[in-house]
Amino acid sequence: MEFRYQLIRVGEEGKSDQQKWLEMFEDVDAVVFCVAISDYDMIGIDGEGVLCNKIILARDLFQSILKHSCFQNTPFVLFLTKHDLFVEKFNKGSPLTACDWFSDYRPVQASQQKARNQAHVAYQYIVHKFKNIYSEVNSCNRKLFTFPLNALDKTAVAEAFQYVQQILKWEEFRSTEYMLTDNISDSNSDS
């Protein structure tokens, strides 16, 4: 099985220019959506020139792409990039609640957990927030696949794309199995 990747970078203004780049997504087998999770305390500018938290901008773009009809049956993989920077920033005391979307984050006290575990819990919390959005929008009961990533680590990037390849193989197997089951059901109904 040969895999071909096409990378399309959509910045903060991407939501307003959506019609221009969504046309590129005909016949897509999977969407790999990247979010720099270390940006949870950073501000960006949306398509209308309004200042907004960068994670909230990414969340809104993610949600709008999920809702687009051309991706209704498409598997999504969420790469949570800059994971190493996220852990470093989080461990230095930058609160996750700097992002309004994470205002309900209530960590266990530092004395009860090691710093590395606290960052892992915060990472899992962010994954959970994105999975909640995915499950609200996703009518096909598909799973959102996630992967923490340090994009400067070539080995990690290779592993991430191997993960995507495994998902695509699984999707192909699932669709083949479904067609076989459907054909068997059809032939049994003829009897």
C-alpha atoms as a PDB file:
ATOM      1  CA  MET A   1       0.000   0.000   0.000  1.00  0.00           C
ATOM      2  CA  GLU A   2       1.468   3.344  -1.054  1.00  0.00           C
ATOM      3  CA  PHE A   3       0.798   6.466   0.970  1.00  0.00           C
ATOM      4  CA  ARG A   4       0.823   9.988  -0.368  1.00  0.00           C
ATOM      5  CA  TYR A   5       0.704  12.948   1.964  1.00  0.00           C
ATOM      6  CA  GLN A   6      -0.280  16.486   1.119  1.00  0.00           C
ATOM      7  CA  LEU A   7       0.437  19.107   3.726  1.00  0.00           C
ATOM      8  CA  ILE A   8      -1.769  22.180   3.791  1.00  0.00           C
ATOM      9  CA  ARG A   9      -0.951  24.789   6.401  1.00  0.00           C
ATOM     10  CA  VAL A  10      -3.920  26.782   7.587  1.00  0.00           C
ATOM     11  CA  GLY A  11      -3.096  29.651   9.932  1.00  0.00           C
ATOM     12  CA  GLU A  12      -5.336  31.523  12.329  1.00  0.00           C
ATOM     13  CA  GLU A  13      -7.041  33.191   9.389  1.00  0.00           C
ATOM     14  CA  GLY A  14      -7.884  29.743   7.978  1.00  0.00           C
ATOM     15  CA  LYS A  15     -11.440  29.684   9.231  1.00  0.00           C
ATOM     16  CA  SER A  16     -12.369  32.764   7.223  1.00  0.00           C
ATOM     17  CA  ASP A  17     -10.599  31.455   4.079  1.00  0.00           C
ATOM     18  CA  GLN A  18     -12.057  27.979   4.455  1.00  0.00           C
ATOM     19  CA  GLN A  19     -13.820  27.826   1.106  1.00  0.00           C
ATOM     20  CA  LYS A  20     -10.531  28.425  -0.732  1.00  0.00           C
ATOM     21  CA  TRP A  21      -8.648  25.490   0.751  1.00  0.00           C
ATOM     22  CA  LEU A  22     -11.452  23.010   1.469  1.00  0.00           C
ATOM     23  CA  GLU A  23     -11.690  22.309  -2.262  1.00  0.00           C
ATOM     24  CA  MET A  24      -8.279  20.610  -1.998  1.00  0.00           C
ATOM     25  CA  PHE A  25      -9.757  17.865   0.157  1.00  0.00           C
ATOM     26  CA  GLU A  26     -11.658  15.762  -2.333  1.00  0.00           C
ATOM     27  CA  ASP A  27     -10.882  12.042  -1.945  1.00  0.00           C
ATOM     28  CA  VAL A  28      -9.023  12.424   1.359  1.00  0.00           C
ATOM     29  CA  ASP A  29      -8.474   9.192   3.269  1.00  0.00           C
ATOM     30  CA  ALA A  30      -7.628  10.870   6.590  1.00  0.00           C
ATOM     31  CA  VAL A  31      -7.250  14.320   8.091  1.00  0.00           C
ATOM     32  CA  VAL A  32      -4.196  14.964  10.240  1.00  0.00           C
ATOM     33  CA  PHE A  33      -4.894  18.074  12.295  1.00  0.00           C
ATOM     34  CA  CYS A  34      -1.988  19.630  14.201  1.00  0.00           C
ATOM     35  CA  VAL A  35      -2.308  21.763  17.320  1.00  0.00           C
ATOM     36  CA  ALA A  36       0.686  23.310  19.077  1.00  0.00           C
ATOM     37  CA  ILE A  37      -0.367  22.562  22.647  1.00  0.00           C
ATOM     38  CA  SER A  38       2.388  24.766  24.061  1.00  0.00           C
ATOM     39  CA  ASP A  39       0.346  27.711  22.733  1.00  0.00           C
ATOM     40  CA  TYR A  40      -2.248  27.390  25.514  1.00  0.00           C
ATOM     41  CA  ASP A  41      -1.147  30.676  27.042  1.00  0.00           C
ATOM     42  CA  MET A  42      -0.465  32.559  23.806  1.00  0.00           C
ATOM     43  CA  ILE A  43      -2.568  35.042  21.868  1.00  0.00           C
ATOM     44  CA  GLY A  44      -3.139  35.060  18.114  1.00  0.00           C
ATOM     45  CA  ILE A  45      -5.281  37.030  15.712  1.00  0.00           C
ATOM     46  CA  ASP A  46      -8.335  35.471  14.105  1.00  0.00           C
ATOM     47  CA  GLY A  47      -9.438  36.042  10.505  1.00  0.00           C
ATOM     48  CA  GLU A  48     -11.297  39.197  11.509  1.00  0.00           C
ATOM     49  CA  GLY A  49      -8.343  40.774  13.320  1.00  0.00           C
ATOM     50  CA  VAL A  50      -9.587  39.988  16.838  1.00  0.00           C
ATOM     51  CA  LEU A  51      -7.105  38.841  19.490  1.00  0.00           C
ATOM     52  CA  CYS A  52      -7.854  35.343  20.766  1.00  0.00           C
ATOM     53  CA  ASN A  53      -6.117  32.501  22.594  1.00  0.00           C
ATOM     54  CA  LYS A  54      -4.253  30.327  20.044  1.00  0.00           C
ATOM     55  CA  ILE A  55      -5.670  27.050  21.386  1.00  0.00           C
ATOM     56  CA  ILE A  56      -9.190  28.456  21.103  1.00  0.00           C
ATOM     57  CA  LEU A  57      -8.436  29.471  17.507  1.00  0.00           C
ATOM     58  CA  ALA A  58      -7.221  25.915  16.809  1.00  0.00           C
ATOM     59  CA  ARG A  59     -10.277  24.442  18.551  1.00  0.00           C
ATOM     60  CA  ASP A  60     -12.667  26.561  16.485  1.00  0.00           C
ATOM     61  CA  LEU A  61     -10.927  25.645  13.223  1.00  0.00           C
ATOM     62  CA  PHE A  62     -10.923  21.958  14.228  1.00  0.00           C
ATOM     63  CA  GLN A  63     -14.634  22.109  14.985  1.00  0.00           C
ATOM     64  CA  SER A  64     -15.491  23.840  11.707  1.00  0.00           C
ATOM     65  CA  ILE A  65     -13.500  21.270   9.691  1.00  0.00           C
ATOM     66  CA  LEU A  66     -15.199  18.423  11.551  1.00  0.00           C
ATOM     67  CA  LYS A  67     -18.590  19.834  10.619  1.00  0.00           C
ATOM     68  CA  HIS A  68     -17.809  20.059   6.909  1.00  0.00           C
ATOM     69  CA  SER A  69     -19.777  17.478   4.911  1.00  0.00           C
ATOM     70  CA  CYS A  70     -16.761  16.261   2.892  1.00  0.00           C
ATOM     71  CA  PHE A  71     -15.219  14.866   6.114  1.00  0.00           C
ATOM     72  CA  GLN A  72     -18.304  13.097   7.429  1.00  0.00           C
ATOM     73  CA  ASN A  73     -16.779   9.610   7.053  1.00  0.00           C
ATOM     74  CA  THR A  74     -13.115  10.580   7.223  1.00  0.00           C
ATOM     75  CA  PRO A  75     -10.908   9.461  10.111  1.00  0.00           C
ATOM     76  CA  PHE A  76      -9.226  12.283  12.026  1.00  0.00           C
ATOM     77  CA  VAL A  77      -5.808  12.149  13.651  1.00  0.00           C
ATOM     78  CA  LEU A  78      -4.911  14.917  16.067  1.00  0.00           C
ATOM     79  CA  PHE A  79      -1.182  15.594  16.379  1.00  0.00           C
ATOM     80  CA  LEU A  80      -0.579  17.563  19.552  1.00  0.00           C
ATOM     81  CA  THR A  81       2.702  19.187  18.558  1.00  0.00           C
ATOM     82  CA  LYS A  82       5.334  20.959  20.625  1.00  0.00           C
ATOM     83  CA  HIS A  83       4.669  18.435  23.371  1.00  0.00           C
ATOM     84  CA  ASP A  84       8.169  18.907  24.773  1.00  0.00           C
ATOM     85  CA  LEU A  85       7.683  22.683  24.996  1.00  0.00           C
ATOM     86  CA  PHE A  86       4.269  22.144  26.587  1.00  0.00           C
ATOM     87  CA  VAL A  87       5.774  19.954  29.327  1.00  0.00           C
ATOM     88  CA  GLU A  88       8.579  22.455  29.923  1.00  0.00           C
ATOM     89  CA  LYS A  89       6.226  25.450  30.071  1.00  0.00           C
ATOM     90  CA  PHE A  90       3.687  23.635  32.247  1.00  0.00           C
ATOM     91  CA  ASN A  91       6.382  22.456  34.677  1.00  0.00           C
ATOM     92  CA  LYS A  92       7.698  26.022  34.998  1.00  0.00           C
ATOM     93  CA  GLY A  93       4.304  27.043  36.358  1.00  0.00           C
ATOM     94  CA  SER A  94       2.428  28.531  33.415  1.00  0.00           C
ATOM     95  CA  PRO A  95      -1.170  27.636  34.353  1.00  0.00           C
ATOM     96  CA  LEU A  96      -3.305  25.708  31.884  1.00  0.00           C
ATOM     97  CA  THR A  97      -6.194  27.954  32.920  1.00  0.00           C
ATOM     98  CA  ALA A  98      -4.516  30.800  30.986  1.00  0.00           C
ATOM     99  CA  CYS A  99      -6.749  29.454  28.219  1.00  0.00           C
ATOM    100  CA  ASP A 100     -10.431  30.147  28.969  1.00  0.00           C
ATOM    101  CA  TRP A 101     -11.370  26.806  27.400  1.00  0.00           C
ATOM    102  CA  PHE A 102      -9.396  25.103  30.171  1.00  0.00           C
ATOM    103  CA  SER A 103     -10.932  27.112  33.017  1.00  0.00           C
ATOM    104  CA  ASP A 104     -12.405  23.931  34.545  1.00  0.00           C
ATOM    105  CA  TYR A 105      -8.972  22.270  34.860  1.00  0.00           C
ATOM    106  CA  ARG A 106      -8.403  21.319  38.490  1.00  0.00           C
ATOM    107  CA  PRO A 107      -5.030  19.638  38.961  1.00  0.00           C
ATOM    108  CA  VAL A 108      -4.004  17.586  41.946  1.00  0.00           C
ATOM    109  CA  GLN A 109      -1.614  19.520  44.200  1.00  0.00           C
ATOM    110  CA  ALA A 110       2.085  19.415  43.278  1.00  0.00           C
ATOM    111  CA  SER A 111       3.049  17.687  46.510  1.00  0.00           C
ATOM    112  CA  GLN A 112       0.825  14.746  45.557  1.00  0.00           C
ATOM    113  CA  GLN A 113       2.254  14.217  42.086  1.00  0.00           C
ATOM    114  CA  LYS A 114       5.614  14.519  40.428  1.00  0.00           C
ATOM    115  CA  ALA A 115       5.974  17.365  37.921  1.00  0.00           C
ATOM    116  CA  ARG A 116       6.205  14.989  34.927  1.00  0.00           C
ATOM    117  CA  ASN A 117       2.964  13.293  35.949  1.00  0.00           C
ATOM    118  CA  GLN A 118       1.234  16.663  36.339  1.00  0.00           C
ATOM    119  CA  ALA A 119       2.181  17.578  32.763  1.00  0.00           C
ATOM    120  CA  HIS A 120       0.909  14.193  31.590  1.00  0.00           C
ATOM    121  CA  VAL A 121      -2.406  14.733  33.386  1.00  0.00           C
ATOM    122  CA  ALA A 122      -2.689  18.186  31.783  1.00  0.00           C
ATOM    123  CA  TYR A 123      -1.923  16.663  28.364  1.00  0.00           C
ATOM    124  CA  GLN A 124      -4.635  14.007  28.871  1.00  0.00           C
ATOM    125  CA  TYR A 125      -7.051  16.749  29.893  1.00  0.00           C
ATOM    126  CA  ILE A 126      -6.409  18.583  26.597  1.00  0.00           C
ATOM    127  CA  VAL A 127      -6.869  15.340  24.637  1.00  0.00           C
ATOM    128  CA  HIS A 128     -10.162  14.811  26.453  1.00  0.00           C
ATOM    129  CA  LYS A 129     -11.352  18.327  25.542  1.00  0.00           C
ATOM    130  CA  PHE A 130     -10.677  17.716  21.831  1.00  0.00           C
ATOM    131  CA  LYS A 131     -12.267  14.254  21.980  1.00  0.00           C
ATOM    132  CA  ASN A 132     -15.401  15.809  23.484  1.00  0.00           C
ATOM    133  CA  ILE A 133     -15.666  18.184  20.529  1.00  0.00           C
ATOM    134  CA  TYR A 134     -15.103  15.303  18.137  1.00  0.00           C
ATOM    135  CA  SER A 135     -17.786  13.138  19.745  1.00  0.00           C
ATOM    136  CA  GLU A 136     -20.300  16.022  19.740  1.00  0.00           C
ATOM    137  CA  VAL A 137     -19.843  16.629  16.008  1.00  0.00           C
ATOM    138  CA  ASN A 138     -19.139  13.074  14.849  1.00  0.00           C
ATOM    139  CA  SER A 139     -22.348  11.294  13.881  1.00  0.00           C
ATOM    140  CA  CYS A 140     -20.569   8.103  12.739  1.00  0.00           C
ATOM    141  CA  ASN A 141     -19.288   7.156  16.209  1.00  0.00           C
ATOM    142  CA  ARG A 142     -15.719   7.172  14.939  1.00  0.00           C
ATOM    143  CA  LYS A 143     -12.717   7.475  17.224  1.00  0.00           C
ATOM    144  CA  LEU A 144     -10.449  10.530  17.264  1.00  0.00           C
ATOM    145  CA  PHE A 145      -6.873   9.302  17.106  1.00  0.00           C
ATOM    146  CA  THR A 146      -4.332  11.427  18.998  1.00  0.00           C
ATOM    147  CA  PHE A 147      -0.559  11.530  19.085  1.00  0.00           C
ATOM    148  CA  PRO A 148       1.806  13.715  21.171  1.00  0.00           C
ATOM    149  CA  LEU A 149       4.584  15.053  18.993  1.00  0.00           C
ATOM    150  CA  ASN A 150       7.811  16.991  19.098  1.00  0.00           C
ATOM    151  CA  ALA A 151       8.028  17.922  15.428  1.00  0.00           C
ATOM    152  CA  LEU A 152      11.788  18.517  15.617  1.00  0.00           C
ATOM    153  CA  ASP A 153      12.375  14.889  16.608  1.00  0.00           C
ATOM    154  CA  LYS A 154      12.693  12.991  13.298  1.00  0.00           C
ATOM    155  CA  THR A 155      12.091   9.643  14.995  1.00  0.00           C
ATOM    156  CA  ALA A 156       8.885  10.903  16.622  1.00  0.00           C
ATOM    157  CA  VAL A 157       7.648  12.313  13.303  1.00  0.00           C
ATOM    158  CA  ALA A 158       8.349   8.988  11.566  1.00  0.00           C
ATOM    159  CA  GLU A 159       6.468   7.163  14.352  1.00  0.00           C
ATOM    160  CA  ALA A 160       3.551   9.591  14.022  1.00  0.00           C
ATOM    161  CA  PHE A 161       3.210   8.908  10.312  1.00  0.00           C
ATOM    162  CA  GLN A 162       3.537   5.157  10.893  1.00  0.00           C
ATOM    163  CA  TYR A 163       0.618   5.592  13.285  1.00  0.00           C
ATOM    164  CA  VAL A 164      -1.367   7.297  10.515  1.00  0.00           C
ATOM    165  CA  GLN A 165      -0.486   4.466   8.118  1.00  0.00           C
ATOM    166  CA  GLN A 166      -1.764   1.907  10.636  1.00  0.00           C
ATOM    167  CA  ILE A 167      -5.019   3.852  10.953  1.00  0.00           C
ATOM    168  CA  LEU A 168      -5.416   3.926   7.168  1.00  0.00           C
ATOM    169  CA  LYS A 169      -4.739   0.180   6.952  1.00  0.00           C
ATOM    170  CA  TRP A 170      -7.324  -0.409   9.684  1.00  0.00           C
ATOM    171  CA  GLU A 171      -9.858   1.788   7.862  1.00  0.00           C
ATOM    172  CA  GLU A 172      -9.257  -0.136   4.635  1.00  0.00           C
ATOM    173  CA  PHE A 173      -9.670  -3.436   6.485  1.00  0.00           C
ATOM    174  CA  ARG A 174     -12.865  -2.180   8.155  1.00  0.00           C
ATOM    175  CA  SER A 175     -14.404  -1.088   4.857  1.00  0.00           C
ATOM    176  CA  THR A 176     -13.420  -4.379   3.171  1.00  0.00           C
ATOM    177  CA  GLU A 177     -14.868  -6.358   6.081  1.00  0.00           C
ATOM    178  CA  TYR A 178     -18.053  -4.272   5.920  1.00  0.00           C
ATOM    179  CA  MET A 179     -18.403  -4.896   2.174  1.00  0.00           C
ATOM    180  CA  LEU A 180     -17.857  -8.629   2.667  1.00  0.00           C
ATOM    181  CA  THR A 181     -20.439  -8.742   5.464  1.00  0.00           C
ATOM    182  CA  ASP A 182     -22.841  -6.683   3.381  1.00  0.00           C
ATOM    183  CA  ASN A 183     -22.371  -9.004   0.376  1.00  0.00           C
ATOM    184  CA  ILE A 184     -22.898 -12.090   2.513  1.00  0.00           C
ATOM    185  CA  SER A 185     -26.076 -10.563   3.923  1.00  0.00           C
ATOM    186  CA  ASP A 186     -27.304  -9.749   0.414  1.00  0.00           C
ATOM    187  CA  SER A 187     -26.607 -13.247  -0.872  1.00  0.00           C
ATOM    188  CA  ASN A 188     -28.317 -14.824   2.156  1.00  0.00           C
ATOM    189  CA  SER A 189     -31.411 -12.721   1.570  1.00  0.00           C
ATOM    190  CA  ASP A 190     -31.688 -14.118  -1.967  1.00  0.00           C
ATOM    191  CA  SER A 191     -32.077 -17.674  -0.679  1.00  0.00           C
END
